[in-house]
Amino acid sequence: MPDEASRPSTVSVSTFRDDALYPKVERVVAAILAKGKAVTPIDVLVGMGLLTPDQLEDWQCGRVPYLERVINSNLTRLSRLLRILRFHAHDLRLKPSATAYMRRGRGLRQPLRFTKTGDARLEEIYSTHFVRVRKGSSHPPASRSSEDETPGR
């Protein structure tokens, strides 16, 4: 059984399924997709119990300066988790979609920060949603009302 020190420091496309975090990420992503068509890093963090809904709301309302401050994980583990999520989303053929996160509430709508440093690359990683894309319409055709069923229409 490999110990924490013997694990490679970075997760790669060929090793991410062997990481101890993978089964947890996989379960949470499956649960999220069972309810909707998009997976966000924030939803995964909440689903894994690393971020509470109250902490999330505090951040969204601007009461917390950056999200990493309230996530219950060290930055190394968090980085691994985000890499695993990206690789898993790719395997599921989910399409990455950049999303702007803006402060909620009254007053000026300002962008929210995920990291203390505000590094653009990391901010983009946190704000990327992974969306299930189906060929054709993603919704079933609307049922016709009884008045539309008149012959000859």
C-alpha atoms as a PDB file:
ATOM      1  CA  MET A   1       0.000   0.000   0.000  1.00  0.00           C
ATOM      2  CA  PRO A   2       1.631   3.278  -1.070  1.00  0.00           C
ATOM      3  CA  ASP A   3       1.931   5.901   1.622  1.00  0.00           C
ATOM      4  CA  GLU A   4       1.281   9.611   1.195  1.00  0.00           C
ATOM      5  CA  ALA A   5       4.986  10.418   0.668  1.00  0.00           C
ATOM      6  CA  SER A   6       5.426   7.902  -2.159  1.00  0.00           C
ATOM      7  CA  ARG A   7       2.518   9.257  -4.238  1.00  0.00           C
ATOM      8  CA  PRO A   8       3.577  11.386  -7.204  1.00  0.00           C
ATOM      9  CA  SER A   9       3.206  15.082  -6.461  1.00  0.00           C
ATOM     10  CA  THR A  10       1.117  15.706  -9.558  1.00  0.00           C
ATOM     11  CA  VAL A  11      -1.798  13.795 -10.959  1.00  0.00           C
ATOM     12  CA  SER A  12      -1.551  12.940 -14.646  1.00  0.00           C
ATOM     13  CA  VAL A  13      -4.015  11.732 -17.223  1.00  0.00           C
ATOM     14  CA  SER A  14      -2.555   8.232 -16.881  1.00  0.00           C
ATOM     15  CA  THR A  15      -2.602   8.126 -13.058  1.00  0.00           C
ATOM     16  CA  PHE A  16      -5.643  10.100 -11.903  1.00  0.00           C
ATOM     17  CA  ARG A  17      -7.858   6.999 -11.513  1.00  0.00           C
ATOM     18  CA  ASP A  18      -5.304   5.539  -9.060  1.00  0.00           C
ATOM     19  CA  ASP A  19      -5.462   8.553  -6.740  1.00  0.00           C
ATOM     20  CA  ALA A  20      -7.254   8.077  -3.418  1.00  0.00           C
ATOM     21  CA  LEU A  21      -9.475  11.095  -4.170  1.00  0.00           C
ATOM     22  CA  TYR A  22     -10.759   9.700  -7.490  1.00  0.00           C
ATOM     23  CA  PRO A  23     -13.554   7.446  -6.144  1.00  0.00           C
ATOM     24  CA  LYS A  24     -14.905  10.325  -4.044  1.00  0.00           C
ATOM     25  CA  VAL A  25     -14.802  12.744  -6.970  1.00  0.00           C
ATOM     26  CA  GLU A  26     -16.406  10.141  -9.242  1.00  0.00           C
ATOM     27  CA  ARG A  27     -19.305   9.549  -6.797  1.00  0.00           C
ATOM     28  CA  VAL A  28     -19.964  13.251  -6.289  1.00  0.00           C
ATOM     29  CA  VAL A  29     -19.856  14.000 -10.032  1.00  0.00           C
ATOM     30  CA  ALA A  30     -22.290  11.124 -10.715  1.00  0.00           C
ATOM     31  CA  ALA A  31     -24.687  12.497  -8.086  1.00  0.00           C
ATOM     32  CA  ILE A  32     -24.469  16.014  -9.551  1.00  0.00           C
ATOM     33  CA  LEU A  33     -25.115  14.751 -13.091  1.00  0.00           C
ATOM     34  CA  ALA A  34     -28.083  12.694 -11.876  1.00  0.00           C
ATOM     35  CA  LYS A  35     -29.748  15.997 -10.913  1.00  0.00           C
ATOM     36  CA  GLY A  36     -28.585  18.256 -13.739  1.00  0.00           C
ATOM     37  CA  LYS A  37     -26.326  18.671 -16.738  1.00  0.00           C
ATOM     38  CA  ALA A  38     -23.438  20.743 -15.331  1.00  0.00           C
ATOM     39  CA  VAL A  39     -20.695  20.012 -12.816  1.00  0.00           C
ATOM     40  CA  THR A  40     -18.865  22.841 -11.094  1.00  0.00           C
ATOM     41  CA  PRO A  41     -15.795  22.640  -8.878  1.00  0.00           C
ATOM     42  CA  ILE A  42     -17.850  24.372  -6.170  1.00  0.00           C
ATOM     43  CA  ASP A  43     -20.572  21.710  -6.358  1.00  0.00           C
ATOM     44  CA  VAL A  44     -17.896  19.024  -6.027  1.00  0.00           C
ATOM     45  CA  LEU A  45     -16.363  20.768  -2.992  1.00  0.00           C
ATOM     46  CA  VAL A  46     -19.786  21.007  -1.334  1.00  0.00           C
ATOM     47  CA  GLY A  47     -20.606  17.407  -2.273  1.00  0.00           C
ATOM     48  CA  MET A  48     -17.360  16.189  -0.732  1.00  0.00           C
ATOM     49  CA  GLY A  49     -18.016  18.141   2.473  1.00  0.00           C
ATOM     50  CA  LEU A  50     -15.011  20.437   1.984  1.00  0.00           C
ATOM     51  CA  LEU A  51     -17.192  23.532   1.731  1.00  0.00           C
ATOM     52  CA  THR A  52     -20.432  24.154   3.596  1.00  0.00           C
ATOM     53  CA  PRO A  53     -23.413  25.927   2.037  1.00  0.00           C
ATOM     54  CA  ASP A  54     -23.049  28.665   4.687  1.00  0.00           C
ATOM     55  CA  GLN A  55     -19.381  29.218   3.791  1.00  0.00           C
ATOM     56  CA  LEU A  56     -20.332  29.309   0.114  1.00  0.00           C
ATOM     57  CA  GLU A  57     -23.021  31.913   0.779  1.00  0.00           C
ATOM     58  CA  ASP A  58     -20.596  34.040   2.814  1.00  0.00           C
ATOM     59  CA  TRP A  59     -18.182  34.035  -0.141  1.00  0.00           C
ATOM     60  CA  GLN A  60     -20.909  34.736  -2.710  1.00  0.00           C
ATOM     61  CA  CYS A  61     -22.090  37.728  -0.681  1.00  0.00           C
ATOM     62  CA  GLY A  62     -18.568  39.107  -0.330  1.00  0.00           C
ATOM     63  CA  ARG A  63     -18.167  38.389   3.390  1.00  0.00           C
ATOM     64  CA  VAL A  64     -15.130  36.168   2.647  1.00  0.00           C
ATOM     65  CA  PRO A  65     -12.325  37.716   0.544  1.00  0.00           C
ATOM     66  CA  TYR A  66     -11.508  34.528  -1.416  1.00  0.00           C
ATOM     67  CA  LEU A  67     -13.005  31.024  -1.529  1.00  0.00           C
ATOM     68  CA  GLU A  68      -9.838  29.055  -0.659  1.00  0.00           C
ATOM     69  CA  ARG A  69      -9.900  30.721   2.756  1.00  0.00           C
ATOM     70  CA  VAL A  70     -12.973  28.708   3.814  1.00  0.00           C
ATOM     71  CA  ILE A  71     -12.394  25.418   1.964  1.00  0.00           C
ATOM     72  CA  ASN A  72     -11.594  22.654   4.455  1.00  0.00           C
ATOM     73  CA  SER A  73      -8.542  21.299   2.625  1.00  0.00           C
ATOM     74  CA  ASN A  74      -4.906  22.145   2.128  1.00  0.00           C
ATOM     75  CA  LEU A  75      -3.908  23.659  -1.216  1.00  0.00           C
ATOM     76  CA  THR A  76      -1.938  20.588  -2.369  1.00  0.00           C
ATOM     77  CA  ARG A  77      -4.928  18.281  -1.902  1.00  0.00           C
ATOM     78  CA  LEU A  78      -7.214  20.876  -3.451  1.00  0.00           C
ATOM     79  CA  SER A  79      -4.978  21.105  -6.524  1.00  0.00           C
ATOM     80  CA  ARG A  80      -5.062  17.300  -6.898  1.00  0.00           C
ATOM     81  CA  LEU A  81      -8.839  17.291  -6.560  1.00  0.00           C
ATOM     82  CA  LEU A  82      -9.271  19.936  -9.276  1.00  0.00           C
ATOM     83  CA  ARG A  83      -6.935  18.078 -11.658  1.00  0.00           C
ATOM     84  CA  ILE A  84      -8.808  14.817 -11.071  1.00  0.00           C
ATOM     85  CA  LEU A  85     -12.099  16.606 -11.712  1.00  0.00           C
ATOM     86  CA  ARG A  86     -10.836  18.000 -15.034  1.00  0.00           C
ATOM     87  CA  PHE A  87      -9.545  14.607 -16.201  1.00  0.00           C
ATOM     88  CA  HIS A  88     -12.753  12.847 -15.121  1.00  0.00           C
ATOM     89  CA  ALA A  89     -14.927  15.482 -16.822  1.00  0.00           C
ATOM     90  CA  HIS A  90     -12.911  14.971 -20.006  1.00  0.00           C
ATOM     91  CA  ASP A  91     -13.478  11.201 -19.803  1.00  0.00           C
ATOM     92  CA  LEU A  92     -17.210  11.836 -19.425  1.00  0.00           C
ATOM     93  CA  ARG A  93     -17.075  14.085 -22.504  1.00  0.00           C
ATOM     94  CA  LEU A  94     -18.289  17.096 -20.552  1.00  0.00           C
ATOM     95  CA  LYS A  95     -17.595  20.392 -22.257  1.00  0.00           C
ATOM     96  CA  PRO A  96     -15.643  23.000 -20.262  1.00  0.00           C
ATOM     97  CA  SER A  97     -17.388  26.343 -20.069  1.00  0.00           C
ATOM     98  CA  ALA A  98     -15.846  29.478 -18.568  1.00  0.00           C
ATOM     99  CA  THR A  99     -18.189  31.172 -16.123  1.00  0.00           C
ATOM    100  CA  ALA A 100     -18.041  34.553 -14.413  1.00  0.00           C
ATOM    101  CA  TYR A 101     -18.731  34.540 -10.688  1.00  0.00           C
ATOM    102  CA  MET A 102     -20.092  37.822  -9.426  1.00  0.00           C
ATOM    103  CA  ARG A 103     -20.829  38.974  -5.887  1.00  0.00           C
ATOM    104  CA  ARG A 104     -24.460  38.592  -4.841  1.00  0.00           C
ATOM    105  CA  GLY A 105     -26.513  41.107  -2.945  1.00  0.00           C
ATOM    106  CA  ARG A 106     -26.985  44.829  -3.078  1.00  0.00           C
ATOM    107  CA  GLY A 107     -24.445  47.226  -4.412  1.00  0.00           C
ATOM    108  CA  LEU A 108     -21.858  47.000  -7.117  1.00  0.00           C
ATOM    109  CA  ARG A 109     -21.595  43.572  -8.745  1.00  0.00           C
ATOM    110  CA  GLN A 110     -17.935  42.717  -8.389  1.00  0.00           C
ATOM    111  CA  PRO A 111     -16.108  39.589  -9.527  1.00  0.00           C
ATOM    112  CA  LEU A 112     -15.509  37.037  -6.806  1.00  0.00           C
ATOM    113  CA  ARG A 113     -12.035  35.679  -6.098  1.00  0.00           C
ATOM    114  CA  PHE A 114     -11.272  32.034  -5.578  1.00  0.00           C
ATOM    115  CA  THR A 115      -7.619  32.376  -4.551  1.00  0.00           C
ATOM    116  CA  LYS A 116      -5.622  34.657  -2.283  1.00  0.00           C
ATOM    117  CA  THR A 117      -3.187  35.548  -5.075  1.00  0.00           C
ATOM    118  CA  GLY A 118      -5.813  36.064  -7.779  1.00  0.00           C
ATOM    119  CA  ASP A 119      -3.665  34.082 -10.256  1.00  0.00           C
ATOM    120  CA  ALA A 120      -5.605  34.133 -13.548  1.00  0.00           C
ATOM    121  CA  ARG A 121      -4.909  30.470 -14.368  1.00  0.00           C
ATOM    122  CA  LEU A 122      -6.138  29.244 -10.982  1.00  0.00           C
ATOM    123  CA  GLU A 123      -9.151  31.546 -11.067  1.00  0.00           C
ATOM    124  CA  GLU A 124     -10.078  30.064 -14.452  1.00  0.00           C
ATOM    125  CA  ILE A 125      -9.724  26.501 -13.153  1.00  0.00           C
ATOM    126  CA  TYR A 126     -12.131  27.196 -10.279  1.00  0.00           C
ATOM    127  CA  SER A 127     -14.647  29.021 -12.467  1.00  0.00           C
ATOM    128  CA  THR A 128     -14.852  26.436 -15.246  1.00  0.00           C
ATOM    129  CA  HIS A 129     -18.101  24.483 -15.388  1.00  0.00           C
ATOM    130  CA  PHE A 130     -18.293  21.115 -17.135  1.00  0.00           C
ATOM    131  CA  VAL A 131     -21.488  20.724 -19.129  1.00  0.00           C
ATOM    132  CA  ARG A 132     -23.085  17.602 -20.549  1.00  0.00           C
ATOM    133  CA  VAL A 133     -23.650  18.200 -24.242  1.00  0.00           C
ATOM    134  CA  ARG A 134     -25.946  16.003 -26.259  1.00  0.00           C
ATOM    135  CA  LYS A 135     -26.366  16.001 -29.981  1.00  0.00           C
ATOM    136  CA  GLY A 136     -29.611  17.652 -30.957  1.00  0.00           C
ATOM    137  CA  SER A 137     -31.957  19.090 -28.389  1.00  0.00           C
ATOM    138  CA  SER A 138     -31.153  18.530 -24.731  1.00  0.00           C
ATOM    139  CA  HIS A 139     -34.872  18.722 -23.912  1.00  0.00           C
ATOM    140  CA  PRO A 140     -37.615  16.377 -25.099  1.00  0.00           C
ATOM    141  CA  PRO A 141     -40.072  17.935 -27.526  1.00  0.00           C
ATOM    142  CA  ALA A 142     -42.869  19.836 -25.815  1.00  0.00           C
ATOM    143  CA  SER A 143     -46.151  17.993 -25.713  1.00  0.00           C
ATOM    144  CA  ARG A 144     -48.836  19.457 -27.871  1.00  0.00           C
ATOM    145  CA  SER A 145     -51.926  20.871 -26.198  1.00  0.00           C
ATOM    146  CA  SER A 146     -55.359  19.504 -27.083  1.00  0.00           C
ATOM    147  CA  GLU A 147     -56.197  22.579 -29.189  1.00  0.00           C
ATOM    148  CA  ASP A 148     -53.069  21.988 -31.331  1.00  0.00           C
ATOM    149  CA  GLU A 149     -54.245  18.471 -32.153  1.00  0.00           C
ATOM    150  CA  THR A 150     -56.947  19.698 -34.512  1.00  0.00           C
ATOM    151  CA  PRO A 151     -56.670  17.766 -37.815  1.00  0.00           C
ATOM    152  CA  GLY A 152     -55.360  19.797 -40.711  1.00  0.00           C
ATOM    153  CA  ARG A 153     -53.050  22.015 -38.675  1.00  0.00           C
END
